[in-house]
Amino acid sequence: MKTAVIALLLAALILPVEAKKKRGGAGKRDKQEEQQEKKEKAERDRKREAISDYLEKKDKNNDGSVTRDEHLAGESDQDAAGQKFDKANKNGDRSLTKSEIADLLGL
């Protein structure tokens, strides 16, 4: 019984390594995956930076969300800005969370 268990454990460890060796071009695929991950990370960082910039400009009380009044402050076209806010405010709580801000900014 012990021998069978040991053989199964060894097979579980060895077979994936052997399969990877036999698979040609694994290094190329890994580089493609790595490049894709870098692109995705850059995109997440860009979105995070845009949201942070928006919060820095609009969030006067630094609570991490933007109320309708904060959003309208400094806007030349109050009606259009209000409509844009209302459209982005999905849950109707009169403040924008980071995910709602992302939608507002078109991210």
Protein backbone atom coordinates (compact mmCIF):
# COMPACT_ATOMS: atom_id res chain seq x y z
CA MET A 1 0.00 0.00 0.00
CA LYS A 2 2.79 2.42 0.93
CA THR A 3 4.62 1.60 -2.27
CA ALA A 4 1.55 2.40 -4.37
CA VAL A 5 1.03 5.73 -2.62
CA ILE A 6 4.69 6.67 -3.08
CA ALA A 7 4.55 5.69 -6.76
CA LEU A 8 1.46 7.83 -7.30
CA LEU A 9 3.03 10.82 -5.58
CA LEU A 10 6.20 10.51 -7.66
CA ALA A 11 4.15 10.20 -10.83
CA ALA A 12 2.18 13.31 -9.87
CA LEU A 13 5.43 15.23 -9.46
CA ILE A 14 7.28 13.88 -12.49
CA LEU A 15 4.57 13.79 -15.17
CA PRO A 16 3.90 17.55 -15.30
CA VAL A 17 7.62 18.25 -15.63
CA GLU A 18 8.01 15.72 -18.43
CA ALA A 19 4.93 17.04 -20.21
CA LYS A 20 6.33 20.56 -20.12
CA LYS A 21 9.63 19.35 -21.59
CA LYS A 22 7.83 17.61 -24.45
CA ARG A 23 5.67 20.63 -25.18
CA GLY A 24 7.62 22.70 -27.70
CA GLY A 25 7.45 26.47 -27.58
CA ALA A 26 6.52 26.65 -23.93
CA GLY A 27 9.00 29.47 -23.42
CA LYS A 28 7.39 31.48 -26.20
CA ARG A 29 3.95 30.99 -24.72
CA ASP A 30 5.23 32.01 -21.32
CA LYS A 31 6.65 35.23 -22.80
CA GLN A 32 3.34 35.96 -24.51
CA GLU A 33 1.51 35.42 -21.23
CA GLU A 34 4.01 37.66 -19.47
CA GLN A 35 3.53 40.42 -22.06
CA GLN A 36 -0.24 40.11 -21.73
CA GLU A 37 0.01 40.37 -17.96
CA LYS A 38 2.18 43.49 -18.31
CA LYS A 39 -0.38 45.08 -20.65
CA GLU A 40 -3.21 44.26 -18.25
CA LYS A 41 -1.25 45.69 -15.31
CA ALA A 42 -0.49 48.88 -17.26
CA GLU A 43 -4.19 49.23 -18.09
CA ARG A 44 -5.19 48.74 -14.43
CA ASP A 45 -2.58 51.31 -13.38
CA ARG A 46 -3.86 53.78 -15.99
CA LYS A 47 -7.44 53.38 -14.74
CA ARG A 48 -6.36 53.67 -11.11
CA GLU A 49 -4.43 56.85 -11.91
CA ALA A 50 -7.37 58.41 -13.79
CA ILE A 51 -9.74 57.67 -10.90
CA SER A 52 -7.21 59.03 -8.41
CA ASP A 53 -6.83 62.26 -10.44
CA TYR A 54 -10.60 62.68 -10.62
CA LEU A 55 -10.95 62.15 -6.86
CA GLU A 56 -8.13 64.59 -6.18
CA LYS A 57 -9.90 67.29 -8.22
CA LYS A 58 -13.48 66.68 -7.08
CA ASP A 59 -13.49 64.97 -3.67
CA LYS A 60 -13.31 68.00 -1.40
CA ASN A 61 -13.93 66.16 1.88
CA ASN A 62 -11.52 63.29 1.00
CA ASP A 63 -13.98 60.52 1.82
CA GLY A 64 -13.15 58.45 -1.27
CA SER A 65 -16.43 59.18 -3.07
CA VAL A 66 -17.83 62.15 -4.95
CA THR A 67 -21.23 63.62 -4.15
CA ARG A 68 -23.41 65.34 -6.73
CA ASP A 69 -22.50 68.76 -5.29
CA GLU A 70 -18.79 67.97 -5.45
CA HIS A 71 -19.16 66.77 -9.04
CA LEU A 72 -21.07 69.89 -10.12
CA ALA A 73 -18.61 72.32 -8.47
CA GLY A 74 -16.68 74.17 -11.13
CA GLU A 75 -18.63 72.73 -14.07
CA SER A 76 -19.66 75.29 -16.69
CA ASP A 77 -22.66 73.27 -17.96
CA GLN A 78 -24.44 72.28 -14.75
CA ASP A 79 -27.31 70.50 -16.54
CA ALA A 80 -25.06 68.29 -18.66
CA ALA A 81 -22.78 67.55 -15.69
CA GLY A 82 -25.80 66.67 -13.57
CA GLN A 83 -27.16 64.31 -16.19
CA LYS A 84 -23.75 62.68 -16.54
CA PHE A 85 -23.57 62.25 -12.76
CA ASP A 86 -27.08 60.78 -12.57
CA LYS A 87 -26.29 58.31 -15.35
CA ALA A 88 -23.08 57.17 -13.61
CA ASN A 89 -24.74 56.93 -10.17
CA LYS A 90 -26.06 53.38 -10.67
CA ASN A 91 -27.31 52.76 -7.14
CA GLY A 92 -28.91 56.19 -6.71
CA ASP A 93 -27.16 57.04 -3.45
CA ARG A 94 -26.13 60.53 -4.69
CA SER A 95 -22.43 59.74 -4.50
CA LEU A 96 -20.03 58.06 -6.90
CA THR A 97 -17.84 55.17 -5.83
CA LYS A 98 -14.62 54.30 -7.63
CA SER A 99 -16.36 51.83 -9.94
CA GLU A 100 -19.00 54.42 -10.80
CA ILE A 101 -16.28 57.00 -11.39
CA ALA A 102 -14.62 54.56 -13.80
CA ASP A 103 -17.91 54.35 -15.72
CA LEU A 104 -18.27 58.13 -15.64
CA LEU A 105 -14.78 58.54 -17.11
CA GLY A 106 -15.43 55.83 -19.70
CA LEU A 107 -12.77 53.47 -18.38
